Every structure is written in structure tokens, then in C-alpha cells.
């Protein structure tokens, strides 16, 4: 039996468990793929951002996961509707992963678009605090099923250094 995402939106302990398990999956996938990732950065002649996208997709696909057969849309490199199984519960999840790969000059930043997050974005522009809501819904309804949205960003720095 799966949890209904709308009933857990205020349960920080449950949400934290989901986020931790999801992050563990992504970290393990990238870690296991690190040798191939290093080789891809060294050998590919594509844009660094495109190489990062390829690495993220290949790494996560190789590790594998359960799949809910619905199509997700959005401005993310990896999108998958899936079941997340934990000892205490299961949840239907809309997993979004985006790669941020930059040349050495961009190591200190990662640009996140409002369409890539459901969180409120706070920043300073021209010395003034600006708050803008993310455009990604916290729950996505697809084919009669509610999916809890979870977003992970993978930041690749330099030639082959990976930071999660």
C-alpha cells in the first residue's frame, strides 16, 4: 500500500526519509559510474553541460529503479515516475534529476530555473530581496495517480570532479 502524497505534505519526518532515500540512490549511481564519467569528460568533445546530462542519465539507468509507466514533462535531464519503497511505507514519486556541469569558471554557481523547483526562491537582485515561487508542483497528478515531486541536482565541477 502506498502513501497518498497529499497526506504527507506536512509530515517533515516522512518527507525527510523520502528525500534521503532518493539522494542515496542518486549518489550511489553517480559514485558507481565515476570511472566512466571521468573518461567521458576527458574524451567527449561536446559541451560540458551536455556531457553532465549524459552521465547522469546513464548512471541512474544502470543502477535501475521501479517504474510507473507514465510520462513526466519538464525542464529536467532525468524524469521518472516510480515507486519508492522504504521499510515503513511506499510512495509514488515523480523523480526529477538535473545536471549542472560547468567549466572551472562556473564552479561556485548552479543556475536553477523556476520550472525546476517547487520551493520558494529567495535572492537578492539589485540589492533588493526578491521571492519567487517555483513553478514545479509539489504533487503531480498523472493518469489518476498522485506523485510526490522530488528534485535532485547533481553538480559537476571542473573536468571530472563530482559534487552531490
N, C-alpha and C. Protein backbone atom coordinates (compact mmCIF):
# COMPACT_ATOMS: atom_id res chain seq x y z
N UNK A 1 0.84 -1.18 0.00
CA UNK A 1 0.00 0.00 0.00
C UNK A 1 0.89 1.24 0.00
N UNK A 2 0.53 2.19 -0.82
CA UNK A 2 1.33 3.41 -0.92
C UNK A 2 0.67 4.56 -0.16
N UNK A 3 1.51 5.46 0.32
CA UNK A 3 1.01 6.66 0.98
C UNK A 3 0.47 7.62 -0.07
N UNK A 4 -0.55 8.33 0.29
CA UNK A 4 -1.10 9.38 -0.56
C UNK A 4 -0.24 10.62 -0.37
N UNK A 5 0.40 11.13 -1.43
CA UNK A 5 1.28 12.29 -1.28
C UNK A 5 0.62 13.50 -0.62
N UNK A 6 -0.67 13.69 -0.84
CA UNK A 6 -1.33 14.86 -0.25
C UNK A 6 -1.46 14.75 1.26
N UNK A 7 -1.36 13.55 1.82
CA UNK A 7 -1.47 13.39 3.27
C UNK A 7 -0.13 13.53 3.99
N UNK A 8 0.96 13.59 3.24
CA UNK A 8 2.28 13.66 3.89
C UNK A 8 2.98 15.00 3.69
N UNK A 9 2.32 15.95 3.06
CA UNK A 9 2.96 17.23 2.76
C UNK A 9 3.44 17.96 4.00
N UNK A 10 2.82 17.74 5.14
CA UNK A 10 3.24 18.42 6.36
C UNK A 10 3.97 17.50 7.33
N UNK A 11 4.25 16.29 6.90
CA UNK A 11 4.97 15.33 7.73
C UNK A 11 6.45 15.41 7.39
N UNK A 12 7.16 16.27 8.09
CA UNK A 12 8.57 16.52 7.77
C UNK A 12 9.43 15.27 7.93
N UNK A 13 9.11 14.43 8.88
CA UNK A 13 9.89 13.20 9.10
C UNK A 13 9.76 12.26 7.91
N UNK A 14 8.55 12.09 7.40
CA UNK A 14 8.32 11.23 6.24
C UNK A 14 8.99 11.82 5.00
N UNK A 15 8.81 13.12 4.79
CA UNK A 15 9.43 13.78 3.63
C UNK A 15 10.95 13.66 3.68
N UNK A 16 11.51 13.81 4.88
CA UNK A 16 12.96 13.68 5.01
C UNK A 16 13.42 12.26 4.67
N UNK A 17 12.67 11.26 5.09
CA UNK A 17 13.01 9.87 4.74
C UNK A 17 13.00 9.67 3.23
N UNK A 18 12.01 10.22 2.57
CA UNK A 18 11.90 10.11 1.11
C UNK A 18 13.07 10.81 0.44
N UNK A 19 13.37 12.02 0.90
CA UNK A 19 14.48 12.77 0.31
C UNK A 19 15.81 12.08 0.52
N UNK A 20 16.04 11.54 1.70
CA UNK A 20 17.30 10.84 1.98
C UNK A 20 17.45 9.59 1.12
N UNK A 21 16.39 8.80 1.02
CA UNK A 21 16.45 7.58 0.21
C UNK A 21 16.68 7.91 -1.26
N UNK A 22 16.04 8.97 -1.74
CA UNK A 22 16.22 9.39 -3.13
C UNK A 22 17.64 9.87 -3.37
N UNK A 23 18.16 10.66 -2.47
CA UNK A 23 19.53 11.16 -2.61
C UNK A 23 20.54 10.01 -2.56
N UNK A 24 20.29 9.03 -1.70
CA UNK A 24 21.19 7.86 -1.64
C UNK A 24 21.24 7.15 -2.99
N UNK A 25 20.10 7.01 -3.63
CA UNK A 25 20.04 6.36 -4.94
C UNK A 25 20.90 7.12 -5.95
N UNK A 26 20.73 8.42 -6.01
CA UNK A 26 21.46 9.23 -6.99
C UNK A 26 22.96 9.24 -6.68
N UNK A 27 23.31 9.40 -5.42
CA UNK A 27 24.73 9.40 -5.04
C UNK A 27 25.37 8.07 -5.41
N UNK A 28 24.69 6.96 -5.10
CA UNK A 28 25.26 5.64 -5.40
C UNK A 28 25.42 5.46 -6.91
N UNK A 29 24.43 5.91 -7.68
CA UNK A 29 24.50 5.77 -9.13
C UNK A 29 25.70 6.54 -9.69
N UNK A 30 25.88 7.78 -9.27
CA UNK A 30 26.99 8.60 -9.76
C UNK A 30 28.32 8.03 -9.27
N UNK A 31 28.36 7.59 -8.02
CA UNK A 31 29.59 7.02 -7.46
C UNK A 31 30.02 5.77 -8.24
N UNK A 32 29.07 4.88 -8.50
CA UNK A 32 29.38 3.66 -9.24
C UNK A 32 29.82 3.95 -10.67
N UNK A 33 29.41 5.07 -11.22
CA UNK A 33 29.69 5.44 -12.61
C UNK A 33 30.88 6.39 -12.73
N UNK A 34 31.57 6.67 -11.63
CA UNK A 34 32.59 7.72 -11.61
C UNK A 34 33.74 7.49 -12.60
N UNK A 35 34.17 6.25 -12.79
CA UNK A 35 35.26 5.99 -13.73
C UNK A 35 34.84 6.31 -15.15
N UNK A 36 33.64 5.87 -15.52
CA UNK A 36 33.14 6.15 -16.85
C UNK A 36 32.88 7.65 -17.03
N UNK A 37 32.43 8.31 -15.96
CA UNK A 37 32.18 9.75 -16.02
C UNK A 37 33.46 10.51 -16.28
N UNK A 38 34.51 10.12 -15.59
CA UNK A 38 35.81 10.76 -15.78
C UNK A 38 36.29 10.59 -17.21
N UNK A 39 36.13 9.38 -17.73
CA UNK A 39 36.53 9.10 -19.11
C UNK A 39 35.69 9.91 -20.09
N UNK A 40 34.39 10.02 -19.83
CA UNK A 40 33.53 10.78 -20.73
C UNK A 40 33.93 12.25 -20.77
N UNK A 41 34.21 12.83 -19.60
CA UNK A 41 34.64 14.24 -19.58
C UNK A 41 35.96 14.42 -20.32
N UNK A 42 36.85 13.43 -20.20
CA UNK A 42 38.16 13.55 -20.86
C UNK A 42 38.08 13.34 -22.37
N UNK A 43 37.21 12.45 -22.82
CA UNK A 43 37.19 12.06 -24.23
C UNK A 43 36.15 12.77 -25.09
N UNK A 44 35.04 13.17 -24.50
CA UNK A 44 33.96 13.80 -25.27
C UNK A 44 34.37 15.19 -25.72
N UNK A 45 33.84 15.59 -26.85
CA UNK A 45 34.12 16.93 -27.37
C UNK A 45 32.86 17.79 -27.37
N UNK A 46 31.85 17.34 -26.64
CA UNK A 46 30.58 18.05 -26.53
C UNK A 46 30.68 19.14 -25.45
N UNK A 47 29.64 19.91 -25.30
CA UNK A 47 29.60 20.91 -24.23
C UNK A 47 29.61 20.21 -22.88
N UNK A 48 30.25 20.81 -21.90
CA UNK A 48 30.35 20.22 -20.57
C UNK A 48 28.96 19.92 -20.01
N UNK A 49 28.01 20.83 -20.20
CA UNK A 49 26.66 20.63 -19.69
C UNK A 49 26.00 19.40 -20.33
N UNK A 50 26.23 19.19 -21.62
CA UNK A 50 25.65 18.03 -22.31
C UNK A 50 26.27 16.73 -21.82
N UNK A 51 27.56 16.75 -21.56
CA UNK A 51 28.24 15.56 -21.03
C UNK A 51 27.68 15.22 -19.65
N UNK A 52 27.48 16.22 -18.82
CA UNK A 52 26.90 16.00 -17.49
C UNK A 52 25.52 15.36 -17.57
N UNK A 53 24.69 15.82 -18.50
CA UNK A 53 23.36 15.22 -18.70
C UNK A 53 23.48 13.75 -19.06
N UNK A 54 24.39 13.44 -20.00
CA UNK A 54 24.58 12.04 -20.42
C UNK A 54 25.03 11.17 -19.26
N UNK A 55 25.96 11.68 -18.47
CA UNK A 55 26.47 10.91 -17.33
C UNK A 55 25.37 10.63 -16.33
N UNK A 56 24.60 11.63 -16.00
CA UNK A 56 23.53 11.44 -15.02
C UNK A 56 22.52 10.41 -15.51
N UNK A 57 22.07 10.53 -16.75
CA UNK A 57 21.10 9.57 -17.28
C UNK A 57 21.65 8.15 -17.30
N UNK A 58 22.86 7.99 -17.82
CA UNK A 58 23.45 6.64 -17.90
C UNK A 58 23.67 6.04 -16.52
N UNK A 59 24.16 6.85 -15.59
CA UNK A 59 24.44 6.34 -14.25
C UNK A 59 23.16 5.87 -13.56
N UNK A 60 22.12 6.67 -13.60
CA UNK A 60 20.88 6.31 -12.93
C UNK A 60 20.20 5.13 -13.63
N UNK A 61 20.22 5.12 -14.96
CA UNK A 61 19.62 4.00 -15.69
C UNK A 61 20.34 2.68 -15.39
N UNK A 62 21.65 2.72 -15.26
CA UNK A 62 22.41 1.49 -14.95
C UNK A 62 22.06 0.94 -13.59
N UNK A 63 21.85 1.83 -12.63
CA UNK A 63 21.50 1.37 -11.29
C UNK A 63 20.09 0.79 -11.27
N UNK A 64 19.19 1.42 -12.01
CA UNK A 64 17.82 0.92 -12.13
C UNK A 64 16.93 1.33 -10.96
N UNK A 65 15.63 1.21 -11.22
CA UNK A 65 14.63 1.52 -10.20
C UNK A 65 13.27 1.02 -10.68
N UNK A 66 12.31 1.00 -9.77
CA UNK A 66 10.95 0.65 -10.17
C UNK A 66 10.39 1.77 -11.05
N UNK A 67 9.43 1.42 -11.88
CA UNK A 67 8.90 2.41 -12.83
C UNK A 67 7.38 2.37 -12.81
N UNK A 68 6.80 3.54 -12.80
CA UNK A 68 5.36 3.69 -13.04
C UNK A 68 5.25 4.18 -14.48
N UNK A 69 4.54 3.46 -15.33
CA UNK A 69 4.56 3.78 -16.76
C UNK A 69 3.73 5.01 -17.15
N UNK A 70 4.14 6.18 -16.69
CA UNK A 70 3.54 7.44 -17.11
C UNK A 70 4.66 8.38 -17.52
N UNK A 71 4.37 9.27 -18.45
CA UNK A 71 5.37 10.21 -18.97
C UNK A 71 5.32 11.48 -18.15
N UNK A 72 6.49 11.92 -17.69
CA UNK A 72 6.62 13.20 -16.99
C UNK A 72 7.23 14.22 -17.95
N UNK A 73 6.84 15.45 -17.78
CA UNK A 73 7.34 16.52 -18.62
C UNK A 73 8.02 17.56 -17.75
N UNK A 74 8.95 18.28 -18.32
CA UNK A 74 9.61 19.35 -17.59
C UNK A 74 11.01 19.60 -18.10
N UNK A 75 11.63 20.62 -17.55
CA UNK A 75 12.95 21.06 -17.99
C UNK A 75 14.04 20.41 -17.14
N UNK A 76 14.01 19.10 -17.07
CA UNK A 76 14.98 18.35 -16.28
C UNK A 76 15.64 17.30 -17.17
N UNK A 77 16.86 16.92 -16.81
CA UNK A 77 17.61 15.94 -17.60
C UNK A 77 17.06 14.53 -17.45
N UNK A 78 16.59 14.20 -16.26
CA UNK A 78 16.10 12.85 -15.99
C UNK A 78 14.75 12.97 -15.31
N UNK A 79 13.76 12.30 -15.86
CA UNK A 79 12.40 12.34 -15.31
C UNK A 79 11.89 10.90 -15.24
N UNK A 80 11.40 10.52 -14.09
CA UNK A 80 10.89 9.16 -13.96
C UNK A 80 9.78 9.12 -12.91
N UNK A 81 8.65 8.56 -13.30
CA UNK A 81 7.60 8.24 -12.33
C UNK A 81 7.96 6.88 -11.78
N UNK A 82 8.00 6.75 -10.46
CA UNK A 82 8.45 5.49 -9.87
C UNK A 82 7.83 5.26 -8.51
N UNK A 83 7.94 4.05 -8.05
CA UNK A 83 7.60 3.73 -6.67
C UNK A 83 8.88 3.81 -5.86
N UNK A 84 8.79 4.42 -4.70
CA UNK A 84 9.89 4.41 -3.75
C UNK A 84 9.45 3.53 -2.59
N UNK A 85 10.18 2.46 -2.36
CA UNK A 85 9.85 1.52 -1.31
C UNK A 85 10.81 1.72 -0.13
N UNK A 86 10.25 2.00 1.02
CA UNK A 86 11.01 2.09 2.27
C UNK A 86 10.42 1.07 3.23
N UNK A 87 11.15 0.70 4.28
CA UNK A 87 10.61 -0.31 5.20
C UNK A 87 9.25 0.05 5.80
N UNK A 88 9.02 1.33 6.07
CA UNK A 88 7.79 1.75 6.73
C UNK A 88 6.64 2.02 5.76
N UNK A 89 6.94 2.31 4.50
CA UNK A 89 5.90 2.71 3.55
C UNK A 89 6.46 2.70 2.13
N UNK A 90 5.55 2.91 1.19
CA UNK A 90 5.90 3.13 -0.21
C UNK A 90 5.19 4.41 -0.64
N UNK A 91 5.74 5.06 -1.65
CA UNK A 91 5.12 6.28 -2.16
C UNK A 91 5.34 6.35 -3.67
N UNK A 92 4.36 6.89 -4.37
CA UNK A 92 4.52 7.15 -5.79
C UNK A 92 5.26 8.48 -5.92
N UNK A 93 6.32 8.48 -6.70
CA UNK A 93 7.21 9.64 -6.77
C UNK A 93 7.44 10.08 -8.21
N UNK A 94 7.43 11.38 -8.40
CA UNK A 94 7.88 11.97 -9.67
C UNK A 94 9.30 12.43 -9.40
N UNK A 95 10.27 11.65 -9.87
CA UNK A 95 11.68 11.94 -9.62
C UNK A 95 12.23 12.77 -10.78
N UNK A 96 12.79 13.91 -10.44
CA UNK A 96 13.43 14.79 -11.41
C UNK A 96 14.88 14.98 -10.99
N UNK A 97 15.80 14.76 -11.93
CA UNK A 97 17.22 14.97 -11.65
C UNK A 97 17.75 15.89 -12.74
N UNK A 98 18.48 16.91 -12.33
CA UNK A 98 19.08 17.81 -13.31
C UNK A 98 20.57 17.91 -13.04
N UNK A 99 21.33 17.91 -14.13
CA UNK A 99 22.78 18.00 -14.06
C UNK A 99 23.21 19.45 -14.24
N UNK A 100 24.12 19.86 -13.42
CA UNK A 100 24.71 21.18 -13.54
C UNK A 100 26.20 20.98 -13.73
N UNK A 101 26.65 21.08 -14.97
CA UNK A 101 28.07 20.90 -15.28
C UNK A 101 28.58 22.20 -15.86
N UNK A 102 29.66 22.68 -15.30
CA UNK A 102 30.19 23.98 -15.70
C UNK A 102 31.71 23.86 -15.87
N UNK A 103 32.24 24.73 -16.67
CA UNK A 103 33.69 24.85 -16.77
C UNK A 103 34.20 25.33 -15.41
N UNK A 104 35.49 25.29 -15.23
CA UNK A 104 36.10 25.67 -13.95
C UNK A 104 35.62 27.04 -13.49
N UNK A 105 35.41 27.97 -14.41
CA UNK A 105 34.98 29.32 -14.03
C UNK A 105 33.61 29.34 -13.39
N UNK A 106 32.79 28.32 -13.59
CA UNK A 106 31.44 28.29 -13.02
C UNK A 106 31.29 27.41 -11.80
N UNK A 107 32.39 27.05 -11.16
CA UNK A 107 32.34 26.12 -10.04
C UNK A 107 31.53 26.63 -8.86
N UNK A 108 31.48 27.93 -8.67
CA UNK A 108 30.81 28.47 -7.49
C UNK A 108 29.32 28.70 -7.67
N UNK A 109 28.76 28.34 -8.81
CA UNK A 109 27.34 28.61 -9.05
C UNK A 109 26.65 27.39 -9.66
N UNK A 110 25.35 27.40 -9.56
CA UNK A 110 24.49 26.44 -10.25
C UNK A 110 23.19 27.17 -10.51
N UNK A 111 22.84 27.32 -11.74
CA UNK A 111 21.63 28.04 -12.10
C UNK A 111 20.44 27.09 -12.08
N UNK A 112 19.47 27.42 -11.25
CA UNK A 112 18.25 26.62 -11.14
C UNK A 112 17.11 27.48 -11.66
N UNK A 113 16.38 26.95 -12.62
CA UNK A 113 15.25 27.66 -13.18
C UNK A 113 14.02 27.48 -12.30
N UNK A 114 13.11 28.45 -12.32
CA UNK A 114 11.90 28.33 -11.50
C UNK A 114 11.09 27.09 -11.91
N UNK A 115 11.19 26.67 -13.17
CA UNK A 115 10.47 25.47 -13.63
C UNK A 115 11.09 24.19 -13.10
N UNK A 116 12.23 24.27 -12.42
CA UNK A 116 12.93 23.09 -11.92
C UNK A 116 12.75 22.87 -10.42
N UNK A 117 11.95 23.69 -9.77
CA UNK A 117 11.78 23.55 -8.33
C UNK A 117 10.37 23.91 -7.92
N UNK A 118 9.94 23.31 -6.81
CA UNK A 118 8.65 23.66 -6.23
C UNK A 118 8.86 24.58 -5.03
N UNK A 119 10.10 24.80 -4.67
CA UNK A 119 10.41 25.60 -3.49
C UNK A 119 10.38 27.09 -3.81
N UNK A 120 10.22 27.87 -2.76
CA UNK A 120 10.29 29.32 -2.90
C UNK A 120 11.75 29.72 -3.11
N UNK A 121 11.97 30.59 -4.06
CA UNK A 121 13.32 31.05 -4.38
C UNK A 121 13.51 32.44 -3.81
N UNK A 122 14.53 32.58 -2.97
CA UNK A 122 14.86 33.89 -2.38
C UNK A 122 16.23 34.29 -2.89
N UNK A 123 16.30 35.50 -3.40
CA UNK A 123 17.57 36.00 -3.91
C UNK A 123 17.59 37.52 -3.82
N UNK A 124 18.79 38.04 -3.95
CA UNK A 124 18.95 39.49 -3.99
C UNK A 124 19.22 39.91 -5.42
N UNK A 125 18.42 40.86 -5.89
CA UNK A 125 18.63 41.44 -7.21
C UNK A 125 18.70 42.94 -7.04
N UNK A 126 19.77 43.53 -7.53
CA UNK A 126 19.98 44.98 -7.42
C UNK A 126 19.83 45.44 -5.97
N UNK A 127 20.32 44.60 -5.04
CA UNK A 127 20.31 44.97 -3.63
C UNK A 127 18.99 44.75 -2.92
N UNK A 128 17.96 44.27 -3.62
CA UNK A 128 16.66 44.07 -3.00
C UNK A 128 16.33 42.57 -2.94
N UNK A 129 15.71 42.16 -1.82
CA UNK A 129 15.29 40.78 -1.66
C UNK A 129 14.11 40.50 -2.57
N UNK A 130 14.22 39.42 -3.35
CA UNK A 130 13.15 39.02 -4.26
C UNK A 130 12.77 37.58 -3.92
N UNK A 131 11.48 37.33 -3.76
CA UNK A 131 10.99 35.97 -3.54
C UNK A 131 10.10 35.58 -4.70
N UNK A 132 10.34 34.40 -5.23
CA UNK A 132 9.53 33.92 -6.35
C UNK A 132 9.23 32.44 -6.11
N UNK A 133 7.99 32.07 -6.33
CA UNK A 133 7.60 30.67 -6.15
C UNK A 133 8.10 29.83 -7.31
N UNK A 134 8.58 28.62 -6.99
CA UNK A 134 8.95 27.68 -8.04
C UNK A 134 7.71 27.25 -8.81
N UNK A 135 7.89 26.86 -10.04
CA UNK A 135 6.75 26.52 -10.91
C UNK A 135 6.43 25.02 -10.92
N UNK A 136 7.30 24.21 -10.37
CA UNK A 136 7.07 22.76 -10.34
C UNK A 136 6.11 22.44 -9.20
N UNK A 137 5.01 21.75 -9.47
CA UNK A 137 4.08 21.43 -8.38
C UNK A 137 4.68 20.42 -7.40
N UNK A 138 4.26 20.48 -6.15
CA UNK A 138 4.76 19.53 -5.15
C UNK A 138 4.15 18.14 -5.35
N UNK A 139 2.97 18.10 -5.94
CA UNK A 139 2.32 16.84 -6.29
C UNK A 139 1.88 16.93 -7.74
N UNK A 140 2.22 15.91 -8.50
CA UNK A 140 1.84 15.86 -9.91
C UNK A 140 0.79 14.77 -10.07
N UNK A 141 -0.33 15.11 -10.68
CA UNK A 141 -1.38 14.14 -10.95
C UNK A 141 -1.21 13.65 -12.38
N UNK A 142 -1.03 12.35 -12.55
CA UNK A 142 -0.87 11.73 -13.87
C UNK A 142 -1.71 10.47 -13.92
N UNK A 143 -2.58 10.41 -14.90
CA UNK A 143 -3.38 9.22 -15.14
C UNK A 143 -4.07 8.71 -13.87
N UNK A 144 -4.63 9.64 -13.11
CA UNK A 144 -5.38 9.29 -11.91
C UNK A 144 -4.54 8.96 -10.70
N UNK A 145 -3.22 9.16 -10.78
CA UNK A 145 -2.33 8.87 -9.66
C UNK A 145 -1.63 10.15 -9.22
N UNK A 146 -1.53 10.36 -7.93
CA UNK A 146 -0.77 11.48 -7.40
C UNK A 146 0.66 11.03 -7.15
N UNK A 147 1.62 11.82 -7.65
CA UNK A 147 3.04 11.53 -7.49
C UNK A 147 3.69 12.65 -6.70
N UNK A 148 4.44 12.29 -5.67
CA UNK A 148 5.17 13.28 -4.89
C UNK A 148 6.39 13.73 -5.68
N UNK A 149 6.51 15.01 -5.89
CA UNK A 149 7.63 15.56 -6.66
C UNK A 149 8.88 15.61 -5.79
N UNK A 150 9.97 15.08 -6.31
CA UNK A 150 11.27 15.15 -5.65
C UNK A 150 12.30 15.54 -6.70
N UNK A 151 13.09 16.56 -6.39
CA UNK A 151 14.09 17.06 -7.33
C UNK A 151 15.48 16.93 -6.72
N UNK A 152 16.41 16.44 -7.53
CA UNK A 152 17.81 16.32 -7.12
C UNK A 152 18.65 17.03 -8.17
N UNK A 153 19.61 17.82 -7.73
CA UNK A 153 20.55 18.47 -8.63
C UNK A 153 21.92 17.87 -8.42
N UNK A 154 22.57 17.49 -9.53
CA UNK A 154 23.92 16.94 -9.49
C UNK A 154 24.83 17.99 -10.10
N UNK A 155 25.84 18.41 -9.37
CA UNK A 155 26.76 19.46 -9.82
C UNK A 155 28.10 18.84 -10.15
N UNK A 156 28.50 18.97 -11.41
CA UNK A 156 29.82 18.51 -11.86
C UNK A 156 30.72 19.74 -11.96
N UNK A 157 31.88 19.68 -11.33
CA UNK A 157 32.83 20.79 -11.36
C UNK A 157 34.10 20.38 -12.08
N UNK A 158 34.70 21.35 -12.74
CA UNK A 158 35.98 21.10 -13.41
C UNK A 158 35.84 20.05 -14.47
N UNK A 159 36.85 19.24 -14.63
CA UNK A 159 36.83 18.23 -15.68
C UNK A 159 36.10 16.98 -15.23
N UNK A 160 36.37 16.49 -14.03
CA UNK A 160 35.72 15.23 -13.66
C UNK A 160 35.40 15.14 -12.19
N UNK A 161 35.43 16.23 -11.47
CA UNK A 161 35.08 16.22 -10.07
C UNK A 161 33.57 16.23 -9.91
N UNK A 162 33.04 15.37 -9.06
CA UNK A 162 31.59 15.29 -8.86
C UNK A 162 31.27 15.75 -7.45
N UNK A 163 30.28 16.66 -7.33
CA UNK A 163 29.80 17.09 -6.01
C UNK A 163 28.31 16.84 -5.96
N UNK A 164 27.85 16.20 -4.89
CA UNK A 164 26.42 15.94 -4.72
C UNK A 164 25.94 16.64 -3.48
